Amino acid sequence: MDWRVLLTTFGVIFLAEMGDKTQIAAMTMAAEKKRPWEVFIAASLALTAVSAIGVIVGIDR
């Protein structure tokens, strides 16, 4: 495993996602529904799915 690639990717995605509409939507849902763990799990799964699609599309074929 190339730790440099892993950490660079994490850092770039983390910084790009801070304060964007996804984070605001998750905060709003957690506050409205009073179910933070469910919102966290759903938001994590959604972000994972979108990231997986991006990686699959980006694979050099």
PDB file of N, CA and C in Angstrom:
ATOM      1  N   MET A   1       0.852  -1.180   0.000  1.00  0.00           N
ATOM      2  CA  MET A   1       0.000   0.000   0.000  1.00  0.00           C
ATOM      3  C   MET A   1       0.893   1.237   0.000  1.00  0.00           C
ATOM      4  N   ASP A   2       0.549   2.163  -0.867  1.00  0.00           N
ATOM      5  CA  ASP A   2       1.295   3.414  -0.957  1.00  0.00           C
ATOM      6  C   ASP A   2       0.630   4.436  -0.031  1.00  0.00           C
ATOM      7  N   TRP A   3       1.238   4.646   1.131  1.00  0.00           N
ATOM      8  CA  TRP A   3       0.658   5.534   2.149  1.00  0.00           C
ATOM      9  C   TRP A   3       0.572   6.973   1.665  1.00  0.00           C
ATOM     10  N   ARG A   4       1.498   7.366   0.809  1.00  0.00           N
ATOM     11  CA  ARG A   4       1.476   8.738   0.306  1.00  0.00           C
ATOM     12  C   ARG A   4       0.223   8.981  -0.535  1.00  0.00           C
ATOM     13  N   VAL A   5      -0.107   8.035  -1.400  1.00  0.00           N
ATOM     14  CA  VAL A   5      -1.319   8.156  -2.214  1.00  0.00           C
ATOM     15  C   VAL A   5      -2.548   8.160  -1.316  1.00  0.00           C
ATOM     16  N   LEU A   6      -2.576   7.267  -0.335  1.00  0.00           N
ATOM     17  CA  LEU A   6      -3.712   7.170   0.579  1.00  0.00           C
ATOM     18  C   LEU A   6      -3.917   8.478   1.338  1.00  0.00           C
ATOM     19  N   LEU A   7      -2.868   8.997   1.930  1.00  0.00           N
ATOM     20  CA  LEU A   7      -2.980  10.223   2.725  1.00  0.00           C
ATOM     21  C   LEU A   7      -3.272  11.450   1.868  1.00  0.00           C
ATOM     22  N   THR A   8      -2.689  11.511   0.680  1.00  0.00           N
ATOM     23  CA  THR A   8      -2.960  12.635  -0.226  1.00  0.00           C
ATOM     24  C   THR A   8      -4.417  12.627  -0.668  1.00  0.00           C
ATOM     25  N   THR A   9      -4.905  11.452  -1.045  1.00  0.00           N
ATOM     26  CA  THR A   9      -6.299  11.337  -1.458  1.00  0.00           C
ATOM     27  C   THR A   9      -7.237  11.712  -0.314  1.00  0.00           C
ATOM     28  N   PHE A  10      -6.961  11.189   0.873  1.00  0.00           N
ATOM     29  CA  PHE A  10      -7.781  11.530   2.038  1.00  0.00           C
ATOM     30  C   PHE A  10      -7.781  13.030   2.267  1.00  0.00           C
ATOM     31  N   GLY A  11      -6.620  13.639   2.267  1.00  0.00           N
ATOM     32  CA  GLY A  11      -6.511  15.075   2.535  1.00  0.00           C
ATOM     33  C   GLY A  11      -7.248  15.921   1.521  1.00  0.00           C
ATOM     34  N   VAL A  12      -7.102  15.597   0.249  1.00  0.00           N
ATOM     35  CA  VAL A  12      -7.757  16.374  -0.805  1.00  0.00           C
ATOM     36  C   VAL A  12      -9.274  16.251  -0.704  1.00  0.00           C
ATOM     37  N   ILE A  13      -9.767  15.018  -0.549  1.00  0.00           N
ATOM     38  CA  ILE A  13     -11.211  14.814  -0.455  1.00  0.00           C
ATOM     39  C   ILE A  13     -11.762  15.449   0.824  1.00  0.00           C
ATOM     40  N   PHE A  14     -11.056  15.285   1.928  1.00  0.00           N
ATOM     41  CA  PHE A  14     -11.499  15.855   3.204  1.00  0.00           C
ATOM     42  C   PHE A  14     -11.627  17.369   3.103  1.00  0.00           C
ATOM     43  N   LEU A  15     -10.614  18.025   2.577  1.00  0.00           N
ATOM     44  CA  LEU A  15     -10.650  19.487   2.457  1.00  0.00           C
ATOM     45  C   LEU A  15     -11.718  19.943   1.469  1.00  0.00           C
ATOM     46  N   ALA A  16     -11.888  19.199   0.374  1.00  0.00           N
ATOM     47  CA  ALA A  16     -12.885  19.586  -0.630  1.00  0.00           C
ATOM     48  C   ALA A  16     -14.305  19.465  -0.089  1.00  0.00           C
ATOM     49  N   GLU A  17     -14.533  18.520   0.809  1.00  0.00           N
ATOM     50  CA  GLU A  17     -15.875  18.278   1.328  1.00  0.00           C
ATOM     51  C   GLU A  17     -16.230  19.143   2.537  1.00  0.00           C
ATOM     52  N   MET A  18     -15.256  19.764   3.173  1.00  0.00           N
ATOM     53  CA  MET A  18     -15.535  20.583   4.360  1.00  0.00           C
ATOM     54  C   MET A  18     -16.416  21.776   3.996  1.00  0.00           C
ATOM     55  N   GLY A  19     -17.540  21.888   4.697  1.00  0.00           N
ATOM     56  CA  GLY A  19     -18.401  23.050   4.528  1.00  0.00           C
ATOM     57  C   GLY A  19     -19.208  23.076   3.238  1.00  0.00           C
ATOM     58  N   ASP A  20     -19.234  21.993   2.501  1.00  0.00           N
ATOM     59  CA  ASP A  20     -20.019  22.004   1.272  1.00  0.00           C
ATOM     60  C   ASP A  20     -21.461  21.614   1.563  1.00  0.00           C
ATOM     61  N   LYS A  21     -22.270  21.568   0.530  1.00  0.00           N
ATOM     62  CA  LYS A  21     -23.702  21.308   0.732  1.00  0.00           C
ATOM     63  C   LYS A  21     -23.981  19.923   1.290  1.00  0.00           C
ATOM     64  N   THR A  22     -23.090  18.956   1.069  1.00  0.00           N
ATOM     65  CA  THR A  22     -23.270  17.625   1.632  1.00  0.00           C
ATOM     66  C   THR A  22     -23.182  17.671   3.154  1.00  0.00           C
ATOM     67  N   GLN A  23     -22.190  18.369   3.659  1.00  0.00           N
ATOM     68  CA  GLN A  23     -22.020  18.489   5.108  1.00  0.00           C
ATOM     69  C   GLN A  23     -23.196  19.255   5.721  1.00  0.00           C
ATOM     70  N   ILE A  24     -23.631  20.291   5.064  1.00  0.00           N
ATOM     71  CA  ILE A  24     -24.762  21.071   5.571  1.00  0.00           C
ATOM     72  C   ILE A  24     -26.032  20.218   5.580  1.00  0.00           C
ATOM     73  N   ALA A  25     -26.238  19.422   4.536  1.00  0.00           N
ATOM     74  CA  ALA A  25     -27.409  18.537   4.484  1.00  0.00           C
ATOM     75  C   ALA A  25     -27.364  17.505   5.606  1.00  0.00           C
ATOM     76  N   ALA A  26     -26.198  16.937   5.862  1.00  0.00           N
ATOM     77  CA  ALA A  26     -26.065  15.946   6.940  1.00  0.00           C
ATOM     78  C   ALA A  26     -26.325  16.583   8.303  1.00  0.00           C
ATOM     79  N   MET A  27     -25.813  17.780   8.521  1.00  0.00           N
ATOM     80  CA  MET A  27     -26.065  18.471   9.794  1.00  0.00           C
ATOM     81  C   MET A  27     -27.545  18.771   9.975  1.00  0.00           C
ATOM     82  N   THR A  28     -28.189  19.212   8.905  1.00  0.00           N
ATOM     83  CA  THR A  28     -29.610  19.525   8.968  1.00  0.00           C
ATOM     84  C   THR A  28     -30.438  18.276   9.261  1.00  0.00           C
ATOM     85  N   MET A  29     -30.134  17.184   8.560  1.00  0.00           N
ATOM     86  CA  MET A  29     -30.870  15.931   8.778  1.00  0.00           C
ATOM     87  C   MET A  29     -30.676  15.430  10.207  1.00  0.00           C
ATOM     88  N   ALA A  30     -29.448  15.478  10.706  1.00  0.00           N
ATOM     89  CA  ALA A  30     -29.178  15.010  12.066  1.00  0.00           C
ATOM     90  C   ALA A  30     -29.924  15.866  13.092  1.00  0.00           C
ATOM     91  N   ALA A  31     -29.977  17.160  12.859  1.00  0.00           N
ATOM     92  CA  ALA A  31     -30.662  18.053  13.797  1.00  0.00           C
ATOM     93  C   ALA A  31     -32.175  17.861  13.745  1.00  0.00           C
ATOM     94  N   GLU A  32     -32.716  17.694  12.547  1.00  0.00           N
ATOM     95  CA  GLU A  32     -34.167  17.536  12.399  1.00  0.00           C
ATOM     96  C   GLU A  32     -34.665  16.193  12.911  1.00  0.00           C
ATOM     97  N   LYS A  33     -33.960  15.146  12.589  1.00  0.00           N
ATOM     98  CA  LYS A  33     -34.431  13.790  12.889  1.00  0.00           C
ATOM     99  C   LYS A  33     -34.036  13.308  14.279  1.00  0.00           C
ATOM    100  N   LYS A  34     -33.055  13.971  14.893  1.00  0.00           N
ATOM    101  CA  LYS A  34     -32.553  13.556  16.213  1.00  0.00           C
ATOM    102  C   LYS A  34     -32.066  12.105  16.196  1.00  0.00           C
ATOM    103  N   ARG A  35     -31.553  11.653  15.065  1.00  0.00           N
ATOM    104  CA  ARG A  35     -31.039  10.288  14.893  1.00  0.00           C
ATOM    105  C   ARG A  35     -29.654  10.380  14.233  1.00  0.00           C
ATOM    106  N   PRO A  36     -28.661  10.908  14.960  1.00  0.00           N
ATOM    107  CA  PRO A  36     -27.366  11.170  14.329  1.00  0.00           C
ATOM    108  C   PRO A  36     -26.664   9.927  13.777  1.00  0.00           C
ATOM    109  N   TRP A  37     -26.791   8.784  14.441  1.00  0.00           N
ATOM    110  CA  TRP A  37     -26.090   7.587  13.953  1.00  0.00           C
ATOM    111  C   TRP A  37     -26.673   7.095  12.635  1.00  0.00           C
ATOM    112  N   GLU A  38     -27.993   7.157  12.504  1.00  0.00           N
ATOM    113  CA  GLU A  38     -28.612   6.751  11.251  1.00  0.00           C
ATOM    114  C   GLU A  38     -28.195   7.688  10.113  1.00  0.00           C
ATOM    115  N   VAL A  39     -28.171   8.988  10.405  1.00  0.00           N
ATOM    116  CA  VAL A  39     -27.745   9.960   9.396  1.00  0.00           C
ATOM    117  C   VAL A  39     -26.275   9.737   9.040  1.00  0.00           C
ATOM    118  N   PHE A  40     -25.443   9.484  10.036  1.00  0.00           N
ATOM    119  CA  PHE A  40     -24.024   9.231   9.782  1.00  0.00           C
ATOM    120  C   PHE A  40     -23.827   8.004   8.894  1.00  0.00           C
ATOM    121  N   ILE A  41     -24.514   6.921   9.209  1.00  0.00           N
ATOM    122  CA  ILE A  41     -24.380   5.690   8.428  1.00  0.00           C
ATOM    123  C   ILE A  41     -24.863   5.903   6.995  1.00  0.00           C
ATOM    124  N   ALA A  42     -26.025   6.528   6.840  1.00  0.00           N
ATOM    125  CA  ALA A  42     -26.566   6.763   5.501  1.00  0.00           C
ATOM    126  C   ALA A  42     -25.665   7.693   4.685  1.00  0.00           C
ATOM    127  N   ALA A  43     -25.185   8.761   5.307  1.00  0.00           N
ATOM    128  CA  ALA A  43     -24.311   9.700   4.609  1.00  0.00           C
ATOM    129  C   ALA A  43     -22.991   9.034   4.234  1.00  0.00           C
ATOM    130  N   SER A  44     -22.458   8.213   5.117  1.00  0.00           N
ATOM    131  CA  SER A  44     -21.212   7.494   4.836  1.00  0.00           C
ATOM    132  C   SER A  44     -21.385   6.522   3.678  1.00  0.00           C
ATOM    133  N   LEU A  45     -22.492   5.784   3.682  1.00  0.00           N
ATOM    134  CA  LEU A  45     -22.758   4.851   2.585  1.00  0.00           C
ATOM    135  C   LEU A  45     -22.932   5.582   1.258  1.00  0.00           C
ATOM    136  N   ALA A  46     -23.634   6.711   1.286  1.00  0.00           N
ATOM    137  CA  ALA A  46     -23.839   7.478   0.060  1.00  0.00           C
ATOM    138  C   ALA A  46     -22.514   8.017  -0.479  1.00  0.00           C
ATOM    139  N   LEU A  47     -21.670   8.565   0.403  1.00  0.00           N
ATOM    140  CA  LEU A  47     -20.381   9.083  -0.041  1.00  0.00           C
ATOM    141  C   LEU A  47     -19.476   7.963  -0.540  1.00  0.00           C
ATOM    142  N   THR A  48     -19.538   6.808   0.104  1.00  0.00           N
ATOM    143  CA  THR A  48     -18.761   5.656  -0.343  1.00  0.00           C
ATOM    144  C   THR A  48     -19.213   5.214  -1.730  1.00  0.00           C
ATOM    145  N   ALA A  49     -20.523   5.164  -1.955  1.00  0.00           N
ATOM    146  CA  ALA A  49     -21.046   4.747  -3.255  1.00  0.00           C
ATOM    147  C   ALA A  49     -20.621   5.711  -4.360  1.00  0.00           C
ATOM    148  N   VAL A  50     -20.737   7.002  -4.091  1.00  0.00           N
ATOM    149  CA  VAL A  50     -20.345   8.001  -5.086  1.00  0.00           C
ATOM    150  C   VAL A  50     -18.847   7.932  -5.368  1.00  0.00           C
ATOM    151  N   SER A  51     -18.042   7.755  -4.324  1.00  0.00           N
ATOM    152  CA  SER A  51     -16.597   7.639  -4.500  1.00  0.00           C
ATOM    153  C   SER A  51     -16.240   6.386  -5.294  1.00  0.00           C
ATOM    154  N   ALA A  52     -16.934   5.283  -5.007  1.00  0.00           N
ATOM    155  CA  ALA A  52     -16.677   4.033  -5.744  1.00  0.00           C
ATOM    156  C   ALA A  52     -16.981   4.204  -7.224  1.00  0.00           C
ATOM    157  N   ILE A  53     -18.070   4.882  -7.527  1.00  0.00           N
ATOM    158  CA  ILE A  53     -18.391   5.132  -8.931  1.00  0.00           C
ATOM    159  C   ILE A  53     -17.295   5.965  -9.593  1.00  0.00           C
ATOM    160  N   GLY A  54     -16.821   6.989  -8.898  1.00  0.00           N
ATOM    161  CA  GLY A  54     -15.737   7.814  -9.432  1.00  0.00           C
ATOM    162  C   GLY A  54     -14.465   7.036  -9.684  1.00  0.00           C
ATOM    163  N   VAL A  55     -14.126   6.147  -8.751  1.00  0.00           N
ATOM    164  CA  VAL A  55     -12.908   5.331  -8.913  1.00  0.00           C
ATOM    165  C   VAL A  55     -13.073   4.359 -10.071  1.00  0.00           C
ATOM    166  N   ILE A  56     -14.225   3.728 -10.161  1.00  0.00           N
ATOM    167  CA  ILE A  56     -14.467   2.760 -11.240  1.00  0.00           C
ATOM    168  C   ILE A  56     -14.406   3.443 -12.603  1.00  0.00           C
ATOM    169  N   VAL A  57     -15.009   4.620 -12.698  1.00  0.00           N
ATOM    170  CA  VAL A  57     -14.970   5.363 -13.957  1.00  0.00           C
ATOM    171  C   VAL A  57     -13.544   5.809 -14.274  1.00  0.00           C
ATOM    172  N   GLY A  58     -12.788   6.127 -13.246  1.00  0.00           N
ATOM    173  CA  GLY A  58     -11.427   6.625 -13.449  1.00  0.00           C
ATOM    174  C   GLY A  58     -10.372   5.571 -13.717  1.00  0.00           C
ATOM    175  N   ILE A  59     -10.733   4.294 -13.594  1.00  0.00           N
ATOM    176  CA  ILE A  59      -9.759   3.224 -13.831  1.00  0.00           C
ATOM    177  C   ILE A  59      -9.354   3.230 -15.303  1.00  0.00           C
ATOM    178  N   ASP A  60      -8.066   3.212 -15.537  1.00  0.00           N
ATOM    179  CA  ASP A  60      -7.531   3.173 -16.902  1.00  0.00           C
ATOM    180  C   ASP A  60      -7.781   1.801 -17.492  1.00  0.00           C
ATOM    181  N   ARG A  61      -8.576   1.757 -18.514  1.00  0.00           N
ATOM    182  CA  ARG A  61      -8.925   0.467 -19.125  1.00  0.00           C
ATOM    183  C   ARG A  61      -8.078   0.188 -20.325  1.00  0.00           C
TER     184      ARG A  61
END
